[in-house]
Protein backbone atom coordinates (compact mmCIF):
# COMPACT_ATOMS: atom_id res chain seq x y z
CA MET A 1 40.80 -14.43 26.77
CA ALA A 2 42.96 -13.59 23.70
CA ASP A 3 43.00 -10.01 22.49
CA SER A 4 41.54 -9.43 19.23
CA THR A 5 43.24 -6.11 18.21
CA TYR A 6 46.90 -7.98 18.61
CA ASP A 7 49.61 -6.83 16.44
CA GLU A 8 51.22 -9.53 14.63
CA PHE A 9 54.93 -8.04 15.00
CA SER A 10 54.35 -7.85 19.03
CA LEU A 11 55.13 -11.60 19.89
CA PHE A 12 58.68 -12.40 18.72
CA HIS A 13 60.30 -12.08 22.40
CA GLU A 14 57.69 -14.78 23.30
CA ASN A 15 59.64 -16.90 20.27
CA LEU A 16 62.86 -15.87 21.50
CA ALA A 17 62.34 -16.54 25.44
CA GLU A 18 60.70 -20.46 24.37
CA TRP A 19 63.75 -20.98 22.40
CA GLY A 20 66.66 -19.47 24.50
CA LEU A 21 67.65 -17.45 21.33
CA ASP A 22 69.89 -14.56 22.29
CA VAL A 23 69.68 -12.76 18.34
CA PRO A 24 68.40 -9.41 16.92
CA VAL A 25 64.75 -9.07 15.60
CA PRO A 26 65.31 -8.17 11.56
CA ALA A 27 63.90 -5.84 10.23
CA VAL A 28 60.15 -7.89 9.11
CA ARG A 29 57.31 -6.07 7.27
CA ARG A 30 53.89 -7.69 5.48
CA PHE A 31 53.80 -7.88 1.39
CA PHE A 32 51.10 -8.48 -0.89
CA VAL A 33 52.39 -9.21 -4.75
CA ALA A 34 49.48 -9.83 -7.19
CA VAL A 35 49.69 -13.19 -9.16
CA ASP A 36 46.29 -11.86 -10.74
CA GLY A 37 44.02 -9.05 -11.99
CA LEU A 38 42.17 -9.61 -8.64
CA ARG A 39 43.85 -11.44 -6.69
CA GLN A 40 47.14 -11.13 -4.22
CA LEU A 41 49.26 -13.33 -2.02
CA SER A 42 50.85 -12.12 1.24
CA GLY A 43 53.45 -13.21 3.25
CA LEU A 44 56.67 -11.93 5.54
CA ARG A 45 59.77 -10.41 4.18
CA TRP A 46 62.54 -10.59 6.95
CA GLY A 47 65.34 -8.09 6.69
CA ASP A 48 65.85 -5.49 4.05
CA ASP A 49 68.02 -7.47 1.66
CA GLU A 50 67.41 -9.57 -1.04
CA PRO A 51 65.97 -12.83 -0.25
CA GLU A 52 67.95 -16.00 0.00
CA LEU A 53 65.37 -18.14 0.27
CA VAL A 54 61.62 -18.86 -0.01
CA LEU A 55 59.28 -20.53 2.85
CA LEU A 56 55.57 -22.48 2.23
CA HIS A 57 53.89 -23.59 5.30
CA GLY A 58 51.83 -26.29 5.29
CA GLY A 59 48.34 -26.61 4.42
CA ALA A 60 46.03 -24.58 7.64
CA GLN A 61 49.26 -22.87 8.49
CA ASN A 62 50.43 -19.44 7.49
CA ALA A 63 53.76 -17.70 7.34
CA HIS A 64 54.60 -17.13 10.84
CA THR A 65 55.06 -20.89 11.65
CA TYR A 66 58.55 -20.14 10.51
CA ASP A 67 58.96 -17.48 12.68
CA THR A 68 61.10 -19.04 15.07
CA VAL A 69 63.29 -20.67 12.22
CA ALA A 70 63.56 -16.91 10.71
CA LEU A 71 64.76 -15.79 14.10
CA ALA A 72 67.41 -18.72 13.90
CA MET A 73 68.32 -17.96 10.57
CA GLN A 74 69.17 -14.51 10.80
CA ARG A 75 69.03 -14.38 6.68
CA PRO A 76 66.79 -11.93 4.57
CA LEU A 77 63.90 -14.57 3.35
CA ILE A 78 60.81 -14.62 2.59
CA ALA A 79 58.03 -16.46 3.93
CA LEU A 80 54.81 -16.89 1.96
CA ASP A 81 51.41 -16.97 2.72
CA LEU A 82 49.67 -19.93 0.47
CA PRO A 83 46.55 -19.11 -1.48
CA GLY A 84 43.21 -18.63 0.87
CA HIS A 85 45.68 -18.70 3.35
CA GLY A 86 47.03 -16.21 6.31
CA HIS A 87 46.56 -12.87 4.77
CA SER A 88 46.16 -14.24 0.91
CA ASP A 89 43.12 -14.42 -1.09
CA ALA A 90 41.82 -17.42 -1.85
CA SER A 91 42.71 -19.12 -4.78
CA PRO A 92 39.20 -19.63 -7.17
CA PHE A 93 40.03 -23.29 -6.69
CA PRO A 94 39.74 -25.80 -3.52
CA ALA A 95 42.77 -24.89 -0.81
CA SER A 96 44.39 -28.12 -1.37
CA ALA A 97 44.56 -27.09 -5.19
CA ILE A 98 48.43 -27.47 -5.75
CA ALA A 99 48.70 -26.73 -9.31
CA SER A 100 46.95 -23.40 -9.28
CA HIS A 101 48.97 -22.83 -5.88
CA ALA A 102 51.92 -23.57 -8.04
CA ILE A 103 51.08 -21.11 -10.50
CA ASP A 104 50.04 -18.24 -8.19
CA VAL A 105 53.32 -18.70 -5.76
CA ALA A 106 55.79 -18.43 -8.93
CA ARG A 107 54.37 -14.96 -10.17
CA ALA A 108 55.40 -14.00 -6.29
CA ILE A 109 58.21 -15.55 -6.36
CA GLU A 110 59.50 -13.73 -9.81
CA GLN A 111 58.06 -9.92 -8.05
CA LEU A 112 59.95 -11.16 -5.19
CA THR A 113 63.29 -12.10 -6.04
CA SER A 114 66.11 -11.58 -8.87
CA GLY A 115 66.97 -14.72 -9.65
CA ALA A 116 67.04 -18.75 -8.27
CA ARG A 117 66.93 -19.33 -4.76
CA PRO A 118 66.30 -22.57 -2.45
CA LEU A 119 62.95 -23.03 -2.31
CA VAL A 120 61.38 -24.63 1.34
CA GLY A 121 58.21 -26.76 1.33
CA MET A 122 56.50 -28.35 4.01
CA SER A 123 53.60 -30.62 3.84
CA LEU A 124 51.09 -29.08 1.16
CA GLY A 125 53.43 -26.47 0.76
CA GLY A 126 55.72 -28.70 -0.52
CA LEU A 127 53.79 -30.52 -2.68
CA THR A 128 53.36 -26.59 -4.25
CA ALA A 129 56.99 -26.28 -3.94
CA LEU A 130 57.88 -28.99 -6.36
CA LEU A 131 55.58 -28.35 -9.01
CA VAL A 132 57.05 -25.14 -8.83
CA ALA A 133 60.52 -26.26 -9.05
CA HIS A 134 59.19 -28.94 -11.86
CA GLN A 135 57.42 -25.90 -14.14
CA ARG A 136 60.07 -22.91 -13.49
CA PRO A 137 63.33 -24.38 -12.58
CA ASP A 138 64.38 -20.87 -13.21
CA LEU A 139 63.81 -19.70 -10.13
CA VAL A 140 64.29 -22.72 -7.74
CA ALA A 141 67.98 -23.24 -6.96
CA SER A 142 67.87 -26.30 -5.02
CA LEU A 143 64.20 -27.91 -3.07
CA VAL A 144 63.83 -28.92 0.71
CA LEU A 145 60.57 -30.82 1.42
CA ILE A 146 59.96 -30.96 4.75
CA ASP A 147 57.94 -34.29 6.01
CA ILE A 148 56.11 -34.56 2.26
CA THR A 149 56.28 -36.74 -0.47
CA PRO A 150 54.30 -37.79 -3.54
CA GLY A 151 53.06 -41.10 -1.54
CA VAL A 152 51.64 -38.84 1.47
CA ASN A 153 48.13 -40.33 1.38
CA ALA A 154 44.71 -39.44 3.28
CA ASP A 155 45.16 -42.32 5.56
CA LYS A 156 48.85 -41.10 6.85
CA ALA A 157 47.73 -37.91 7.47
CA ARG A 158 44.73 -38.37 8.83
CA HIS A 159 45.23 -37.53 12.23
CA ILE A 160 46.13 -33.93 10.83
CA THR A 161 42.87 -33.63 8.52
CA ASP A 162 40.46 -34.59 11.28
CA PHE A 163 41.89 -31.57 13.59
CA VAL A 164 42.11 -29.36 10.03
CA ASN A 165 38.42 -30.84 8.88
CA GLY A 166 36.79 -29.77 12.19
CA PRO A 167 34.64 -26.87 13.33
CA THR A 168 34.65 -23.86 11.27
CA SER A 169 33.60 -21.97 14.29
CA PHE A 170 33.79 -21.20 18.46
CA SER A 171 32.44 -19.56 20.73
CA ASP A 172 35.26 -18.19 22.30
CA PHE A 173 39.15 -17.75 21.99
CA ASP A 174 39.86 -20.56 25.17
CA GLU A 175 37.52 -22.66 23.12
CA LEU A 176 39.41 -22.87 20.17
CA LEU A 177 42.75 -22.96 22.20
CA GLU A 178 41.36 -26.14 24.20
CA ARG A 179 40.86 -27.69 20.90
CA THR A 180 44.25 -26.94 19.56
CA VAL A 181 45.67 -27.94 22.83
CA GLU A 182 43.92 -31.45 22.97
CA HIS A 183 45.53 -31.86 19.07
CA ASN A 184 48.93 -30.52 19.98
CA PRO A 185 49.76 -32.24 23.94
CA SER A 186 53.50 -31.83 23.21
CA ARG A 187 54.08 -28.46 22.33
CA SER A 188 53.61 -25.67 25.09
CA ILE A 189 50.41 -23.45 25.60
CA SER A 190 52.10 -20.15 24.73
CA SER A 191 53.61 -21.81 21.02
CA LEU A 192 49.91 -22.94 20.58
CA ARG A 193 48.58 -19.36 21.60
CA ARG A 194 50.45 -17.57 19.82
CA GLY A 195 49.80 -20.20 16.92
CA ILE A 196 46.25 -19.12 16.93
CA LEU A 197 46.57 -15.41 17.36
CA HIS A 198 48.65 -15.50 13.66
CA ASN A 199 46.31 -17.85 11.96
CA ALA A 200 42.75 -17.53 13.41
CA LEU A 201 40.75 -14.27 13.82
CA GLN A 202 37.22 -12.81 15.59
CA ARG A 203 34.64 -12.02 14.24
CA SER A 204 31.70 -9.05 14.56
CA ASP A 205 29.94 -11.21 16.80
CA GLY A 206 32.63 -12.90 19.02
CA THR A 207 33.30 -15.99 17.58
CA TRP A 208 36.74 -17.52 15.98
CA VAL A 209 37.32 -18.81 12.91
CA TRP A 210 40.63 -20.22 11.15
CA ARG A 211 41.31 -17.50 8.47
CA HIS A 212 41.76 -20.59 5.90
CA GLN A 213 38.27 -21.38 6.83
CA GLN A 214 36.60 -17.80 6.68
CA HIS A 215 36.29 -18.08 2.78
CA GLN A 216 33.78 -19.88 1.02
CA LYS A 217 34.28 -23.35 -0.18
CA SER A 218 35.63 -23.55 -4.29
CA GLU A 219 32.84 -25.57 -6.38
CA LEU A 220 35.19 -25.95 -9.05
CA THR A 221 37.42 -29.02 -9.36
CA ALA A 222 40.75 -28.56 -8.78
CA PRO A 223 43.64 -28.66 -11.58
CA ASP A 224 45.29 -32.01 -12.52
CA ALA A 225 48.78 -31.78 -10.66
CA GLY A 226 50.08 -35.12 -12.44
CA ASP A 227 52.47 -37.60 -11.97
CA LEU A 228 54.21 -35.65 -8.71
CA TRP A 229 56.68 -38.72 -8.59
CA ALA A 230 57.51 -38.59 -12.32
CA LYS A 231 57.77 -34.98 -11.95
CA LEU A 232 60.52 -35.53 -8.72
CA SER A 233 62.61 -37.59 -11.05
CA GLU A 234 62.56 -35.18 -13.55
CA LEU A 235 63.83 -32.09 -11.40
CA SER A 236 67.64 -31.61 -12.01
CA MET A 237 68.33 -29.14 -9.32
CA PRO A 238 69.46 -30.30 -5.70
CA VAL A 239 66.54 -31.76 -3.50
CA THR A 240 66.51 -32.93 0.19
CA LEU A 241 63.78 -34.37 2.11
CA LEU A 242 63.46 -33.99 5.77
CA ARG A 243 61.62 -36.42 7.17
CA ALA A 244 60.47 -36.51 10.80
CA MET A 245 60.78 -39.25 12.67
CA ALA A 246 58.84 -38.87 16.13
CA ALA A 247 54.75 -39.36 16.18
CA GLY A 248 52.97 -37.37 13.80
CA SER A 249 54.94 -37.76 11.22
CA VAL A 250 53.24 -38.80 7.69
CA VAL A 251 56.33 -40.03 5.66
CA ASP A 252 57.34 -43.74 5.90
CA ASP A 253 59.98 -45.84 5.34
CA GLU A 254 58.13 -47.14 1.80
CA ASP A 255 58.02 -43.33 1.32
CA GLU A 256 61.78 -42.66 1.87
CA ALA A 257 62.76 -45.29 -0.16
CA GLU A 258 60.65 -44.51 -3.22
CA PHE A 259 62.04 -40.90 -3.12
CA LEU A 260 65.43 -42.29 -3.23
CA LYS A 261 64.71 -44.79 -6.01
CA ARG A 262 62.74 -41.80 -8.26
CA LEU A 263 65.99 -39.26 -7.74
CA PRO A 264 69.59 -40.94 -6.30
CA SER A 265 70.90 -37.71 -6.16
CA ALA A 266 68.62 -36.61 -3.47
CA THR A 267 69.70 -36.35 0.25
CA VAL A 268 67.11 -37.68 2.94
CA VAL A 269 67.76 -35.99 6.88
CA HIS A 270 66.09 -38.11 9.59
CA VAL A 271 64.95 -35.25 11.72
CA SER A 272 64.00 -36.79 15.74
CA ASP A 273 61.95 -35.71 18.00
CA ALA A 274 60.24 -33.86 15.27
CA GLY A 275 56.35 -34.78 14.70
CA HIS A 276 55.12 -33.47 11.09
CA SER A 277 55.91 -29.91 11.63
CA ILE A 278 59.45 -29.95 12.15
CA GLN A 279 59.57 -26.29 12.06
CA GLY A 280 57.55 -25.70 15.28
CA ASP A 281 58.83 -28.86 17.56
CA GLN A 282 62.58 -28.62 15.92
CA PRO A 283 62.80 -25.10 15.00
CA LEU A 284 66.74 -24.54 16.04
CA GLU A 285 67.28 -27.74 14.12
CA LEU A 286 65.14 -26.90 10.80
CA ALA A 287 67.38 -23.58 10.97
CA ALA A 288 70.57 -24.78 11.16
CA LEU A 289 69.82 -27.36 8.42
CA LEU A 290 68.54 -24.66 6.00
CA ASN A 291 71.15 -22.12 6.75
CA ARG A 292 73.84 -25.17 5.76
CA PHE A 293 71.92 -25.57 2.65
CA CYS A 294 71.77 -22.27 2.17
CA SER A 295 75.54 -22.17 1.85
């Protein structure tokens, strides 16, 4: 049984121990920024200095997915909760509406940084980041996409959406943990338990719900994001694709080839022994890569 009154900043020692990190834990605080007159985006600010990069998580995740990466990087940074995820307010549009997410994220970045910064996005956050880079290049010094291209479709991501679109309520924490372990057999129990505590909440009747599923589903149609391949080809800042090479990745050889065809100046880095969530499977390697890009 989990403690529903957990402190979100009390678990970093587990991240450090699991990955053998001997580094100090910087100041970390949760923030909220207005993106329109009614809604706010939330996130985690690591360090007190000017943020050196901005991180966007994938669908059904939250800013804490990058905790080990942030600890290993030892840089001031921002990890945002996408609309309807984590502690952010829901968008009036569906959770997958990257066109509206990009507007919200750009408004948040304007308030959180004083100039263009590297923008890193995984999966849904990656497509959102691509749109931000295209619409607001003044905010994005470079773009890093984690295991996502415009070519990823529902079939390629079915093993992920099958998990995300599962039960909307769980009778207790153990039931939620059991389902999570079943769909993530390569991850440690402690990391999955920690992830659930960050990404789910207990309701007054004792049942548990994922944070991204607590909101009422939107009946509005998602705004058209346009031709993402074409938008990718028009980017002028450095762009890197980090492709996961283990089971669970959603990017295939065809995607990679099209990515380089559309943007020959781009860099592709293969990350072995990592599935779709590179930040969970190989956080230290991801941290090293991001530190290199920031430098």
